[in-house]
Amino acid sequence: MDWYEILREGERVEDLILGHWQVMNEFDPEHRVKLVVDEWGPWYRPGSEATPGDILEQTPTLRDAVFSGMTSTFLTGMPASYTWPTAPSSSTA
């Protein structure tokens, strides 16, 4: 994967997450179910690992840092920018 290809993939992260939230909102308007994003760095096809056969051992590069910076910047801005209304309280007065 070249620089431009990986960065184009990184640009898709925001739209992908917002699209999932939009669909989740249709089925769960009270937002009882949360969306969790675990991996925000790039993963490459088998054959790019430092030790052949060990897919978890990839050598990080400057390109990976730029990609991770793009996605983490979006994710850290999410709570302030994209808040959902809270569900009505079920307590009685």
N, C-alpha and C. Protein backbone atom coordinates (compact mmCIF):
# COMPACT_ATOMS: atom_id res chain seq x y z
N MET A 1 0.84 -1.17 0.00
CA MET A 1 0.00 0.00 0.00
C MET A 1 0.90 1.24 0.00
N ASP A 2 0.57 2.21 -0.83
CA ASP A 2 1.39 3.42 -0.85
C ASP A 2 0.80 4.48 0.10
N TRP A 3 1.51 5.57 0.26
CA TRP A 3 1.10 6.65 1.16
C TRP A 3 -0.32 7.12 0.88
N TYR A 4 -0.60 7.45 -0.35
CA TYR A 4 -1.89 8.03 -0.69
C TYR A 4 -3.03 7.04 -0.48
N GLU A 5 -2.78 5.79 -0.78
CA GLU A 5 -3.81 4.78 -0.62
C GLU A 5 -4.18 4.61 0.86
N ILE A 6 -3.18 4.53 1.72
CA ILE A 6 -3.46 4.34 3.15
C ILE A 6 -4.13 5.58 3.73
N LEU A 7 -3.73 6.78 3.31
CA LEU A 7 -4.36 7.99 3.83
C LEU A 7 -5.80 8.14 3.33
N ARG A 8 -6.07 7.69 2.11
CA ARG A 8 -7.47 7.69 1.62
C ARG A 8 -8.32 6.76 2.47
N GLU A 9 -7.76 5.63 2.85
CA GLU A 9 -8.49 4.70 3.72
C GLU A 9 -8.75 5.35 5.08
N GLY A 10 -7.79 6.11 5.58
CA GLY A 10 -7.95 6.79 6.86
C GLY A 10 -9.06 7.83 6.83
N GLU A 11 -9.23 8.47 5.69
CA GLU A 11 -10.30 9.46 5.55
C GLU A 11 -11.68 8.83 5.63
N ARG A 12 -11.78 7.55 5.35
CA ARG A 12 -13.06 6.86 5.39
C ARG A 12 -13.56 6.60 6.81
N VAL A 13 -12.66 6.66 7.79
CA VAL A 13 -13.02 6.30 9.16
C VAL A 13 -14.16 7.16 9.70
N GLU A 14 -14.07 8.47 9.53
CA GLU A 14 -15.11 9.35 10.05
C GLU A 14 -16.48 9.02 9.45
N ASP A 15 -16.56 8.90 8.13
CA ASP A 15 -17.83 8.59 7.49
C ASP A 15 -18.35 7.22 7.91
N LEU A 16 -17.45 6.27 8.07
CA LEU A 16 -17.84 4.92 8.48
C LEU A 16 -18.47 4.93 9.87
N ILE A 17 -17.84 5.61 10.80
CA ILE A 17 -18.36 5.66 12.17
C ILE A 17 -19.66 6.45 12.23
N LEU A 18 -19.71 7.59 11.57
CA LEU A 18 -20.95 8.38 11.58
C LEU A 18 -22.10 7.63 10.93
N GLY A 19 -21.80 6.87 9.88
CA GLY A 19 -22.83 6.06 9.24
C GLY A 19 -23.37 4.99 10.16
N HIS A 20 -22.47 4.35 10.91
CA HIS A 20 -22.91 3.34 11.88
C HIS A 20 -23.76 3.97 12.98
N TRP A 21 -23.35 5.14 13.46
CA TRP A 21 -24.14 5.81 14.50
C TRP A 21 -25.52 6.17 13.99
N GLN A 22 -25.61 6.58 12.76
CA GLN A 22 -26.90 6.96 12.18
C GLN A 22 -27.84 5.75 12.13
N VAL A 23 -27.32 4.60 11.70
CA VAL A 23 -28.13 3.39 11.64
C VAL A 23 -28.50 2.94 13.05
N MET A 24 -27.53 2.99 13.97
CA MET A 24 -27.82 2.61 15.36
C MET A 24 -28.91 3.49 15.95
N ASN A 25 -28.91 4.77 15.61
CA ASN A 25 -29.90 5.70 16.13
C ASN A 25 -31.31 5.32 15.67
N GLU A 26 -31.43 4.77 14.47
CA GLU A 26 -32.75 4.36 13.97
C GLU A 26 -33.32 3.21 14.79
N PHE A 27 -32.46 2.30 15.24
CA PHE A 27 -32.92 1.12 15.97
C PHE A 27 -32.85 1.28 17.48
N ASP A 28 -32.08 2.24 17.94
CA ASP A 28 -31.90 2.45 19.38
C ASP A 28 -31.88 3.94 19.67
N PRO A 29 -33.02 4.63 19.53
CA PRO A 29 -33.05 6.08 19.71
C PRO A 29 -32.71 6.53 21.13
N GLU A 30 -32.80 5.63 22.10
CA GLU A 30 -32.45 5.97 23.48
C GLU A 30 -30.97 5.73 23.76
N HIS A 31 -30.26 5.19 22.80
CA HIS A 31 -28.80 5.00 22.86
C HIS A 31 -28.35 4.13 24.03
N ARG A 32 -29.04 3.03 24.19
CA ARG A 32 -28.63 2.07 25.22
C ARG A 32 -27.42 1.28 24.77
N VAL A 33 -27.27 1.11 23.46
CA VAL A 33 -26.13 0.38 22.89
C VAL A 33 -25.08 1.40 22.45
N LYS A 34 -23.85 1.16 22.81
CA LYS A 34 -22.76 2.09 22.48
C LYS A 34 -21.91 1.52 21.34
N LEU A 35 -21.24 2.39 20.64
CA LEU A 35 -20.33 1.99 19.57
C LEU A 35 -18.90 2.12 20.11
N VAL A 36 -18.14 1.04 20.02
CA VAL A 36 -16.77 1.04 20.51
C VAL A 36 -15.82 0.82 19.34
N VAL A 37 -14.81 1.66 19.24
CA VAL A 37 -13.79 1.52 18.20
C VAL A 37 -12.50 1.11 18.89
N ASP A 38 -11.99 -0.06 18.53
CA ASP A 38 -10.81 -0.60 19.20
C ASP A 38 -9.53 -0.34 18.42
N GLU A 39 -9.52 -0.66 17.17
CA GLU A 39 -8.31 -0.50 16.35
C GLU A 39 -8.42 0.74 15.49
N TRP A 40 -7.53 1.69 15.67
CA TRP A 40 -7.56 2.92 14.89
C TRP A 40 -6.28 3.13 14.10
N GLY A 41 -5.46 2.11 14.04
CA GLY A 41 -4.25 2.16 13.22
C GLY A 41 -4.41 1.26 12.01
N PRO A 42 -3.51 1.35 11.05
CA PRO A 42 -3.64 0.54 9.83
C PRO A 42 -3.21 -0.91 10.04
N TRP A 43 -3.85 -1.79 9.32
CA TRP A 43 -3.45 -3.20 9.26
C TRP A 43 -3.17 -3.49 7.79
N TYR A 44 -2.16 -4.30 7.54
CA TYR A 44 -1.75 -4.60 6.17
C TYR A 44 -1.97 -6.07 5.84
N ARG A 45 -1.93 -6.35 4.57
CA ARG A 45 -2.11 -7.72 4.09
C ARG A 45 -0.98 -8.62 4.58
N PRO A 46 -1.27 -9.92 4.73
CA PRO A 46 -0.20 -10.85 5.09
C PRO A 46 0.96 -10.74 4.11
N GLY A 47 2.17 -10.83 4.65
CA GLY A 47 3.37 -10.70 3.83
C GLY A 47 4.12 -9.42 4.15
N SER A 48 3.48 -8.51 4.89
CA SER A 48 4.14 -7.24 5.23
C SER A 48 4.70 -7.25 6.65
N GLU A 49 4.52 -8.36 7.37
CA GLU A 49 4.97 -8.43 8.75
C GLU A 49 6.50 -8.58 8.84
N ALA A 50 7.05 -8.18 9.99
CA ALA A 50 8.50 -8.25 10.19
C ALA A 50 8.98 -9.70 10.20
N THR A 51 8.23 -10.58 10.85
CA THR A 51 8.53 -12.01 10.87
C THR A 51 7.44 -12.71 10.06
N PRO A 52 7.78 -13.31 8.94
CA PRO A 52 6.77 -13.96 8.11
C PRO A 52 5.88 -14.92 8.93
N GLY A 53 4.57 -14.77 8.74
CA GLY A 53 3.62 -15.62 9.43
C GLY A 53 3.09 -15.02 10.73
N ASP A 54 3.70 -13.98 11.25
CA ASP A 54 3.25 -13.35 12.48
C ASP A 54 2.55 -12.04 12.14
N ILE A 55 1.24 -12.10 11.89
CA ILE A 55 0.52 -10.92 11.41
C ILE A 55 0.43 -9.80 12.43
N LEU A 56 0.70 -10.10 13.69
CA LEU A 56 0.66 -9.06 14.72
C LEU A 56 1.97 -8.30 14.84
N GLU A 57 2.97 -8.71 14.09
CA GLU A 57 4.29 -8.09 14.18
C GLU A 57 4.57 -7.28 12.92
N GLN A 58 4.01 -6.10 12.86
CA GLN A 58 4.23 -5.22 11.72
C GLN A 58 5.12 -4.07 12.16
N THR A 59 6.05 -3.71 11.32
CA THR A 59 6.97 -2.63 11.63
C THR A 59 6.28 -1.29 11.41
N PRO A 60 6.12 -0.48 12.47
CA PRO A 60 5.46 0.81 12.29
C PRO A 60 6.35 1.79 11.53
N THR A 61 5.71 2.63 10.73
CA THR A 61 6.42 3.61 9.91
C THR A 61 5.82 4.99 10.14
N LEU A 62 6.44 5.99 9.56
CA LEU A 62 5.90 7.34 9.63
C LEU A 62 4.51 7.39 9.01
N ARG A 63 4.31 6.66 7.93
CA ARG A 63 3.00 6.60 7.28
C ARG A 63 1.95 6.10 8.26
N ASP A 64 2.28 5.09 9.07
CA ASP A 64 1.34 4.55 10.06
C ASP A 64 1.02 5.60 11.12
N ALA A 65 2.03 6.38 11.52
CA ALA A 65 1.82 7.42 12.52
C ALA A 65 0.89 8.51 11.98
N VAL A 66 1.05 8.88 10.73
CA VAL A 66 0.17 9.89 10.12
C VAL A 66 -1.26 9.37 10.06
N PHE A 67 -1.42 8.12 9.64
CA PHE A 67 -2.74 7.49 9.58
C PHE A 67 -3.38 7.47 10.97
N SER A 68 -2.63 7.03 11.96
CA SER A 68 -3.15 6.95 13.33
C SER A 68 -3.49 8.33 13.87
N GLY A 69 -2.70 9.32 13.53
CA GLY A 69 -2.99 10.69 13.95
C GLY A 69 -4.29 11.19 13.34
N MET A 70 -4.52 10.86 12.07
CA MET A 70 -5.76 11.28 11.41
C MET A 70 -6.97 10.68 12.11
N THR A 71 -6.92 9.38 12.36
CA THR A 71 -8.09 8.71 12.94
C THR A 71 -8.26 9.06 14.41
N SER A 72 -7.17 9.16 15.16
CA SER A 72 -7.32 9.46 16.58
C SER A 72 -7.78 10.90 16.79
N THR A 73 -7.39 11.81 15.91
CA THR A 73 -7.85 13.20 16.03
C THR A 73 -9.36 13.25 15.86
N PHE A 74 -9.89 12.52 14.91
CA PHE A 74 -11.33 12.46 14.73
C PHE A 74 -12.00 11.84 15.96
N LEU A 75 -11.46 10.72 16.43
CA LEU A 75 -12.09 10.02 17.55
C LEU A 75 -12.05 10.82 18.84
N THR A 76 -10.99 11.54 19.11
CA THR A 76 -10.92 12.31 20.35
C THR A 76 -11.84 13.53 20.29
N GLY A 77 -12.20 13.98 19.10
CA GLY A 77 -13.14 15.09 18.97
C GLY A 77 -14.58 14.65 19.02
N MET A 78 -14.83 13.37 18.93
CA MET A 78 -16.20 12.87 18.87
C MET A 78 -17.06 13.24 20.06
N PRO A 79 -16.63 13.01 21.30
CA PRO A 79 -17.55 13.27 22.41
C PRO A 79 -18.07 14.71 22.45
N ALA A 80 -17.24 15.67 22.16
CA ALA A 80 -17.69 17.07 22.20
C ALA A 80 -18.54 17.41 20.98
N SER A 81 -18.23 16.82 19.85
CA SER A 81 -18.89 17.19 18.61
C SER A 81 -20.17 16.40 18.34
N TYR A 82 -20.22 15.15 18.78
CA TYR A 82 -21.33 14.28 18.43
C TYR A 82 -21.93 13.67 19.69
N THR A 83 -22.73 14.44 20.38
CA THR A 83 -23.39 13.91 21.57
C THR A 83 -24.81 13.54 21.23
N TRP A 84 -25.25 12.43 21.79
CA TRP A 84 -26.61 11.99 21.60
C TRP A 84 -27.42 12.44 22.80
N PRO A 85 -28.71 12.69 22.63
CA PRO A 85 -29.52 13.07 23.78
C PRO A 85 -29.58 11.91 24.76
N THR A 86 -29.71 12.22 26.03
CA THR A 86 -29.79 11.17 27.04
C THR A 86 -31.19 10.59 27.05
N ALA A 87 -31.27 9.33 27.43
CA ALA A 87 -32.57 8.66 27.51
C ALA A 87 -33.37 9.24 28.69
N PRO A 88 -34.68 9.26 28.57
CA PRO A 88 -35.50 9.76 29.69
C PRO A 88 -35.26 8.91 30.93
N SER A 89 -35.31 9.56 32.08
CA SER A 89 -35.09 8.87 33.35
C SER A 89 -36.27 7.96 33.63
N SER A 90 -35.99 6.76 34.16
CA SER A 90 -37.07 5.82 34.46
C SER A 90 -37.50 5.93 35.92
N SER A 91 -36.87 6.83 36.67
CA SER A 91 -37.23 6.98 38.09
C SER A 91 -38.55 7.73 38.22
N THR A 92 -39.25 7.46 39.27
CA THR A 92 -40.51 8.14 39.53
C THR A 92 -40.34 9.08 40.70
N ALA A 93 -41.06 10.16 40.68
CA ALA A 93 -40.92 11.16 41.76
C ALA A 93 -41.97 10.98 42.80
